[in-house]
């Protein structure tokens, strides 16, 4: 839906149609603001795509309130509380309550930190030892020195593709505009901010919010202090019998005593009709520096040197997956020096809303709302203050 403003001028522009940007656009449009969202469409062929990439091109992300950090817990709670309204307003379902299991070695203190935050914020959970875990989730190979926190629904997972569609549908229904083009440049000019697309078209806005994630610094003269981490995603294809056997599986974060950290999604049916267990492999050592390096990581599809380690970590936890066909994909996450999203002004008229730190999907509606707030010069928590390199 192209902007119907004859002079291509808007009060507010949001650059980036992912989870944060689409949420910000919905909040602005719901408030009756004249807003445009620049949201390039998902690439048809990742291997040859030369534009922007986004990690929300997927069917499942964990949603939960349990967290070691109270601010992240509050961001998630606020977002989750609005899921139903967004679904009702858009007619698009994206939230799937399935519970959430935080599983780790008993000596890892983060389980106690999660519990302390949950108790302080009245988040319901159960503390399970290895015996209870084995009894209730026999498909998991639980070690005797592991224990877990189990959070009930609405914890589970969201479909990020569907969530973005729902946010955009809500925004356009309230008068917001969407332009499916990549932005190549933003610059402050006397009349506001000029936004130049990859096709050379010019648009203008009084204020701009960059919700551009992994590509943010490519648009800035003074880069933010961001790290882009590339990680591997594994998809284990399930037979009909395994779909049934794993039907009660919650979303899981696993931190073993040794080896790599993983997160797992319960059985999810993908657009190709197959059902998969999706496993994300934590890898904080692969930092992607240049924009072309980020693109090449997405186009590569995998890293063969890591595939065996990833497979072993998964089958050690769920032995039923040992002989299932697996394929690999890549994604990238944006990390800030503060550990919280950067939300705020970086110049007179340009603002940012970036940095999910690997936790952004579940909290995206509240992060987008805060982005819409700073765009209107409202004050928010100082911990979100953007930081520049140097």
Protein backbone atom coordinates (compact mmCIF):
# COMPACT_ATOMS: atom_id res chain seq x y z
CA UNK A 1 0.00 0.00 0.00
CA UNK A 2 1.76 3.14 -1.19
CA UNK A 3 1.58 6.41 0.65
CA UNK A 4 -1.26 8.59 -0.61
CA UNK A 5 0.44 11.83 0.43
CA UNK A 6 0.99 13.65 -2.86
CA UNK A 7 4.21 15.27 -1.61
CA UNK A 8 5.57 12.10 0.04
CA UNK A 9 5.77 13.91 3.37
CA UNK A 10 4.81 12.46 6.74
CA UNK A 11 4.90 13.44 10.38
CA UNK A 12 6.65 10.21 11.33
CA UNK A 13 8.58 7.58 9.40
CA UNK A 14 9.63 4.17 10.70
CA UNK A 15 12.45 2.55 8.76
CA UNK A 16 12.44 -1.23 9.14
CA UNK A 17 9.37 -3.43 9.00
CA UNK A 18 10.49 -6.14 11.41
CA UNK A 19 9.18 -6.89 14.86
CA UNK A 20 10.17 -3.55 16.43
CA UNK A 21 9.34 -1.33 13.46
CA UNK A 22 5.95 -2.85 12.71
CA UNK A 23 5.00 -2.51 16.39
CA UNK A 24 6.07 1.14 16.48
CA UNK A 25 4.06 1.85 13.34
CA UNK A 26 0.96 0.23 14.85
CA UNK A 27 1.21 2.28 18.03
CA UNK A 28 1.66 5.51 16.07
CA UNK A 29 -1.20 4.77 13.67
CA UNK A 30 -3.48 3.76 16.54
CA UNK A 31 -2.77 7.19 18.06
CA UNK A 32 -3.93 8.81 14.81
CA UNK A 33 -0.46 9.89 13.67
CA UNK A 34 0.49 10.42 10.03
CA UNK A 35 3.05 7.62 9.82
CA UNK A 36 4.79 5.68 7.06
CA UNK A 37 6.58 2.36 7.51
CA UNK A 38 9.38 1.33 5.15
CA UNK A 39 9.17 -2.46 5.12
CA UNK A 40 10.99 -4.41 2.39
CA UNK A 41 9.35 -7.73 1.65
CA UNK A 42 10.93 -11.04 2.57
CA UNK A 43 13.40 -12.18 -0.12
CA UNK A 44 12.11 -14.91 -2.41
CA UNK A 45 15.58 -16.44 -2.77
CA UNK A 46 17.91 -15.92 0.17
CA UNK A 47 20.96 -17.28 -1.66
CA UNK A 48 20.92 -14.53 -4.29
CA UNK A 49 19.34 -11.70 -2.30
CA UNK A 50 21.40 -8.50 -2.21
CA UNK A 51 19.12 -6.36 -0.03
CA UNK A 52 18.40 -6.31 3.68
CA UNK A 53 17.87 -9.42 5.79
CA UNK A 54 15.84 -9.93 8.96
CA UNK A 55 15.71 -12.75 11.48
CA UNK A 56 11.93 -12.62 11.86
CA UNK A 57 11.58 -14.63 8.63
CA UNK A 58 10.54 -17.70 10.59
CA UNK A 59 7.55 -19.42 12.18
CA UNK A 60 8.50 -19.66 15.85
CA UNK A 61 10.17 -17.65 18.61
CA UNK A 62 9.96 -18.35 22.36
CA UNK A 63 7.70 -16.12 24.42
CA UNK A 64 8.01 -15.99 28.21
CA UNK A 65 8.06 -13.66 31.20
CA UNK A 66 10.67 -15.57 33.21
CA UNK A 67 14.02 -13.79 33.00
CA UNK A 68 17.12 -13.11 35.07
CA UNK A 69 16.61 -9.39 34.44
CA UNK A 70 13.54 -7.57 35.75
CA UNK A 71 13.51 -5.02 32.91
CA UNK A 72 13.43 -7.71 30.23
CA UNK A 73 10.76 -9.52 32.24
CA UNK A 74 8.63 -6.37 32.36
CA UNK A 75 9.08 -5.74 28.62
CA UNK A 76 7.86 -9.27 27.90
CA UNK A 77 4.90 -9.03 30.29
CA UNK A 78 3.70 -5.78 28.71
CA UNK A 79 3.97 -7.21 25.20
CA UNK A 80 2.31 -10.52 26.02
CA UNK A 81 -0.59 -8.68 27.66
CA UNK A 82 -1.42 -7.14 24.26
CA UNK A 83 -1.13 -10.27 22.12
CA UNK A 84 -4.84 -11.08 22.24
CA UNK A 85 -5.90 -7.57 21.32
CA UNK A 86 -3.55 -7.51 18.34
CA UNK A 87 -4.87 -10.89 17.21
CA UNK A 88 -8.47 -9.72 17.56
CA UNK A 89 -7.87 -6.42 15.76
CA UNK A 90 -5.96 -8.00 12.88
CA UNK A 91 -7.73 -11.34 12.58
CA UNK A 92 -4.28 -12.97 12.45
CA UNK A 93 -3.25 -15.60 15.01
CA UNK A 94 0.41 -15.59 16.01
CA UNK A 95 0.51 -16.61 19.70
CA UNK A 96 0.66 -20.29 20.72
CA UNK A 97 0.59 -21.02 24.49
CA UNK A 98 2.81 -24.05 25.08
CA UNK A 99 4.58 -23.32 28.41
CA UNK A 100 8.26 -22.49 28.82
CA UNK A 101 10.99 -24.57 30.44
CA UNK A 102 14.26 -23.07 31.64
CA UNK A 103 16.55 -26.09 32.09
CA UNK A 104 20.09 -25.90 33.43
CA UNK A 105 22.77 -27.42 35.62
CA UNK A 106 21.91 -26.94 39.27
CA UNK A 107 25.06 -24.93 39.97
CA UNK A 108 24.30 -22.30 37.34
CA UNK A 109 23.04 -19.32 39.33
CA UNK A 110 20.73 -18.02 36.59
CA UNK A 111 18.01 -20.43 37.68
CA UNK A 112 17.96 -18.73 41.09
CA UNK A 113 18.04 -15.29 39.46
CA UNK A 114 15.05 -16.24 37.29
CA UNK A 115 13.19 -17.43 40.36
CA UNK A 116 13.96 -14.27 42.32
CA UNK A 117 12.68 -12.01 39.52
CA UNK A 118 9.59 -14.18 39.07
CA UNK A 119 8.74 -14.10 42.75
CA UNK A 120 9.24 -10.34 42.94
CA UNK A 121 7.00 -9.75 39.93
CA UNK A 122 4.37 -12.42 40.66
CA UNK A 123 5.26 -14.56 37.65
CA UNK A 124 3.93 -18.10 38.20
CA UNK A 125 6.37 -21.01 37.86
CA UNK A 126 7.19 -24.47 39.14
CA UNK A 127 10.64 -25.56 40.30
CA UNK A 128 11.31 -29.11 39.08
CA UNK A 129 14.16 -31.43 40.00
CA UNK A 130 15.54 -34.11 37.67
CA UNK A 131 13.14 -36.77 38.95
CA UNK A 132 10.05 -34.63 38.36
CA UNK A 133 11.35 -33.53 34.97
CA UNK A 134 11.95 -37.11 33.82
CA UNK A 135 8.50 -38.16 34.98
CA UNK A 136 6.66 -35.26 33.33
CA UNK A 137 8.77 -34.94 30.17
CA UNK A 138 10.06 -38.43 29.33
CA UNK A 139 11.20 -37.31 25.87
CA UNK A 140 13.98 -35.26 27.49
CA UNK A 141 17.24 -36.89 28.60
CA UNK A 142 17.60 -35.12 31.93
CA UNK A 143 20.85 -35.39 33.86
CA UNK A 144 20.69 -35.98 37.61
CA UNK A 145 22.30 -32.61 38.35
CA UNK A 146 19.86 -30.60 36.24
CA UNK A 147 16.75 -28.78 37.38
CA UNK A 148 14.29 -26.40 35.75
CA UNK A 149 11.70 -23.68 36.07
CA UNK A 150 8.43 -24.29 34.24
CA UNK A 151 6.30 -21.27 33.33
CA UNK A 152 2.65 -21.89 32.39
CA UNK A 153 0.80 -20.23 29.50
CA UNK A 154 0.67 -17.63 28.07
CA UNK A 155 4.34 -18.63 27.80
CA UNK A 156 5.03 -20.67 24.69
CA UNK A 157 5.90 -19.23 21.31
CA UNK A 158 4.91 -16.67 18.71
CA UNK A 159 5.04 -16.86 14.94
CA UNK A 160 7.17 -13.78 14.13
CA UNK A 161 6.12 -13.64 10.47
CA UNK A 162 2.47 -13.65 11.50
CA UNK A 163 3.09 -11.13 14.30
CA UNK A 164 4.64 -8.68 11.82
CA UNK A 165 1.71 -9.18 9.42
CA UNK A 166 -0.73 -8.55 12.27
CA UNK A 167 1.06 -5.37 13.37
CA UNK A 168 1.15 -4.01 9.82
CA UNK A 169 -2.49 -4.87 9.20
CA UNK A 170 -3.48 -3.03 12.38
CA UNK A 171 -1.34 -0.04 11.37
CA UNK A 172 -2.82 0.26 7.88
CA UNK A 173 -6.36 -0.17 9.18
CA UNK A 174 -5.77 2.96 11.27
CA UNK A 175 -4.44 4.99 8.35
CA UNK A 176 -0.75 4.11 8.45
CA UNK A 177 1.12 3.82 5.17
CA UNK A 178 3.50 1.09 4.09
CA UNK A 179 6.20 1.34 1.42
CA UNK A 180 7.82 -1.96 0.49
CA UNK A 181 11.21 -0.52 -0.37
CA UNK A 182 14.66 -0.66 1.17
CA UNK A 183 15.99 2.63 2.53
CA UNK A 184 19.53 3.41 1.40
CA UNK A 185 20.01 6.76 3.14
CA UNK A 186 18.49 9.05 5.78
CA UNK A 187 19.71 12.60 6.23
CA UNK A 188 18.55 15.62 8.17
CA UNK A 189 17.67 18.61 5.99
CA UNK A 190 16.13 22.00 6.88
CA UNK A 191 12.58 20.72 6.30
CA UNK A 192 13.02 17.54 8.33
CA UNK A 193 14.56 14.20 7.33
CA UNK A 194 15.04 13.05 3.77
CA UNK A 195 14.59 9.30 3.26
CA UNK A 196 16.05 7.93 0.04
CA UNK A 197 15.07 4.45 -1.08
CA UNK A 198 17.18 1.99 -3.04
CA UNK A 199 15.19 2.92 -6.16
CA UNK A 200 16.13 6.59 -5.74
CA UNK A 201 12.76 7.87 -4.52
CA UNK A 202 12.69 10.65 -1.93
CA UNK A 203 10.37 10.89 1.05
CA UNK A 204 10.32 13.36 3.92
CA UNK A 205 9.32 13.11 7.56
CA UNK A 206 9.47 15.45 10.53
CA UNK A 207 10.94 12.66 12.65
CA UNK A 208 12.36 9.22 11.84
CA UNK A 209 12.70 6.01 13.86
CA UNK A 210 15.33 3.54 12.68
CA UNK A 211 14.23 0.02 13.58
CA UNK A 212 16.80 -1.47 11.27
CA UNK A 213 18.44 -4.08 13.52
CA UNK A 214 21.54 -5.67 11.98
CA UNK A 215 21.75 -3.05 9.22
CA UNK A 216 21.50 0.05 11.45
CA UNK A 217 25.10 1.23 11.33
CA UNK A 218 25.05 1.06 7.56
CA UNK A 219 22.73 4.11 7.66
CA UNK A 220 24.70 6.13 10.24
CA UNK A 221 27.74 8.37 9.92
CA UNK A 222 28.51 7.85 13.62
CA UNK A 223 28.02 4.13 14.39
CA UNK A 224 26.29 2.86 17.48
CA UNK A 225 28.12 0.49 19.81
CA UNK A 226 26.54 -2.67 18.43
CA UNK A 227 27.73 -6.22 17.89
CA UNK A 228 26.13 -8.45 15.26
CA UNK A 229 26.36 -12.14 16.15
CA UNK A 230 25.73 -14.85 13.60
CA UNK A 231 24.19 -18.09 14.85
CA UNK A 232 23.11 -21.44 13.51
CA UNK A 233 19.53 -22.73 13.45
CA UNK A 234 18.79 -26.46 13.17
CA UNK A 235 15.52 -27.92 11.96
CA UNK A 236 14.76 -31.55 12.81
CA UNK A 237 11.97 -32.91 10.61
CA UNK A 238 9.43 -35.01 12.49
CA UNK A 239 7.56 -38.14 11.48
CA UNK A 240 3.85 -38.38 12.31
CA UNK A 241 4.62 -40.58 15.31
CA UNK A 242 7.18 -38.11 16.65
CA UNK A 243 4.75 -35.23 16.23
CA UNK A 244 2.44 -37.11 18.56
CA UNK A 245 5.20 -38.10 21.00
CA UNK A 246 6.43 -34.51 21.31
CA UNK A 247 3.02 -32.82 21.27
CA UNK A 248 3.33 -31.84 24.95
CA UNK A 249 6.77 -30.29 24.55
CA UNK A 250 7.18 -26.74 25.89
CA UNK A 251 9.49 -24.08 24.53
CA UNK A 252 12.88 -24.74 26.12
CA UNK A 253 16.07 -22.88 26.99
CA UNK A 254 18.86 -25.31 27.88
CA UNK A 255 22.09 -24.37 29.63
CA UNK A 256 24.10 -27.55 30.27
CA UNK A 257 27.09 -27.80 32.58
CA UNK A 258 29.32 -28.16 29.51
CA UNK A 259 28.75 -27.77 25.81
CA UNK A 260 26.72 -25.15 24.01
CA UNK A 261 23.54 -23.39 25.09
CA UNK A 262 20.48 -24.03 22.97
CA UNK A 263 16.84 -23.03 22.74
CA UNK A 264 14.18 -25.32 21.32
CA UNK A 265 10.69 -24.79 19.95
CA UNK A 266 7.98 -27.47 20.15
CA UNK A 267 6.67 -29.09 16.95
CA UNK A 268 5.72 -26.35 14.47
CA UNK A 269 4.36 -26.88 10.96
CA UNK A 270 6.12 -24.73 8.37
CA UNK A 271 4.80 -23.37 5.04
CA UNK A 272 6.20 -26.40 3.16
CA UNK A 273 3.80 -28.63 5.13
CA UNK A 274 6.51 -30.37 7.17
CA UNK A 275 6.66 -30.24 10.96
CA UNK A 276 9.95 -29.47 12.69
CA UNK A 277 11.57 -29.07 16.06
CA UNK A 278 13.57 -25.85 15.71
CA UNK A 279 16.79 -25.50 17.67
CA UNK A 280 18.80 -22.33 18.03
CA UNK A 281 22.48 -22.73 18.84
CA UNK A 282 24.14 -20.07 20.96
CA UNK A 283 27.35 -18.77 19.43
CA UNK A 284 28.65 -15.49 20.77
CA UNK A 285 32.06 -15.86 19.14
CA UNK A 286 31.02 -15.19 15.53
CA UNK A 287 30.83 -11.45 15.19
CA UNK A 288 29.83 -10.05 11.81
CA UNK A 289 31.43 -6.70 11.07
CA UNK A 290 30.72 -5.35 7.60
CA UNK A 291 27.28 -5.17 6.01
CA UNK A 292 28.35 -7.47 3.18
CA UNK A 293 29.62 -9.98 5.75
CA UNK A 294 26.15 -9.99 7.35
CA UNK A 295 24.51 -10.60 3.98
CA UNK A 296 26.93 -13.38 3.12
CA UNK A 297 26.23 -15.11 6.44
CA UNK A 298 22.51 -15.17 5.68
CA UNK A 299 23.11 -16.36 2.12
CA UNK A 300 25.48 -19.15 3.26
CA UNK A 301 22.75 -21.13 5.00
CA UNK A 302 25.09 -22.90 7.43
CA UNK A 303 28.59 -23.50 8.75
CA UNK A 304 29.57 -27.16 8.19
CA UNK A 305 32.20 -26.99 10.93
CA UNK A 306 29.46 -26.43 13.52
CA UNK A 307 26.81 -28.82 12.26
CA UNK A 308 28.02 -31.94 14.09
CA UNK A 309 28.33 -30.13 17.43
CA UNK A 310 24.86 -28.69 17.00
CA UNK A 311 23.35 -32.08 16.15
CA UNK A 312 24.96 -33.73 19.16
CA UNK A 313 23.72 -31.06 21.56
CA UNK A 314 20.18 -31.59 20.32
CA UNK A 315 20.11 -35.38 20.26
CA UNK A 316 21.75 -35.53 23.70
CA UNK A 317 18.75 -33.64 25.07
CA UNK A 318 16.06 -35.28 22.89
CA UNK A 319 17.32 -38.74 21.86
CA UNK A 320 14.17 -39.31 19.77
CA UNK A 321 15.59 -36.88 17.20
CA UNK A 322 18.76 -38.91 16.61
CA UNK A 323 17.74 -40.41 13.27
CA UNK A 324 15.57 -37.59 12.01
CA UNK A 325 16.56 -35.64 8.91
CA UNK A 326 17.98 -32.22 9.75
CA UNK A 327 18.77 -29.09 7.82
CA UNK A 328 20.44 -25.86 8.85
CA UNK A 329 19.83 -22.16 8.43
CA UNK A 330 21.53 -19.01 9.65
CA UNK A 331 20.35 -15.94 11.51
CA UNK A 332 21.91 -12.94 13.23
CA UNK A 333 21.13 -10.98 16.37
CA UNK A 334 21.93 -7.41 17.34
CA UNK A 335 23.60 -6.90 20.72
CA UNK A 336 24.11 -3.65 22.62
CA UNK A 337 26.82 -2.75 25.10
CA UNK A 338 24.16 -2.20 27.81
CA UNK A 339 22.36 -5.49 27.24
CA UNK A 340 19.11 -3.55 26.70
CA UNK A 341 17.62 -2.21 23.46
CA UNK A 342 18.83 1.19 22.31
CA UNK A 343 15.73 3.36 22.18
CA UNK A 344 16.14 7.09 21.86
CA UNK A 345 17.39 10.10 19.93
CA UNK A 346 20.71 10.05 18.09
CA UNK A 347 20.20 13.50 16.48
CA UNK A 348 17.57 16.23 16.47
CA UNK A 349 15.13 14.31 14.30
CA UNK A 350 16.50 10.78 14.02
CA UNK A 351 15.80 8.13 16.66
CA UNK A 352 16.67 4.45 16.97
CA UNK A 353 14.92 1.36 18.28
CA UNK A 354 17.41 -1.48 17.88
CA UNK A 355 19.13 -4.25 19.80
CA UNK A 356 17.04 -7.24 20.78
CA UNK A 357 20.11 -8.96 22.27
CA UNK A 358 18.58 -12.29 21.28
CA UNK A 359 15.48 -11.67 23.43
CA UNK A 360 13.55 -9.14 21.38
CA UNK A 361 10.78 -11.15 19.72
CA UNK A 362 8.72 -11.81 22.84
CA UNK A 363 9.06 -8.18 23.96
CA UNK A 364 8.75 -6.54 20.56
CA UNK A 365 5.39 -4.83 21.00
CA UNK A 366 6.51 -2.98 24.13
CA UNK A 367 9.88 -2.12 22.58
CA UNK A 368 8.04 -0.75 19.54
CA UNK A 369 5.73 1.25 21.79
CA UNK A 370 8.72 2.80 23.51
CA UNK A 371 10.17 3.63 20.10
CA UNK A 372 6.94 5.40 19.19
CA UNK A 373 7.15 7.27 22.49
CA UNK A 374 10.67 8.64 22.01
CA UNK A 375 9.71 9.64 18.48
CA UNK A 376 7.24 11.98 20.15
CA UNK A 377 9.86 13.27 22.62
CA UNK A 378 8.47 11.36 25.60
CA UNK A 379 10.83 10.28 28.37
CA UNK A 380 11.57 6.58 28.94
CA UNK A 381 13.90 4.55 31.17
CA UNK A 382 17.49 5.85 30.94
CA UNK A 383 18.78 2.29 30.59
CA UNK A 384 17.62 2.36 26.95
CA UNK A 385 19.93 5.27 26.09
CA UNK A 386 21.75 4.65 22.77
CA UNK A 387 25.54 4.49 22.97
CA UNK A 388 28.02 5.28 20.23
CA UNK A 389 31.38 3.67 19.55
CA UNK A 390 34.09 5.58 21.36
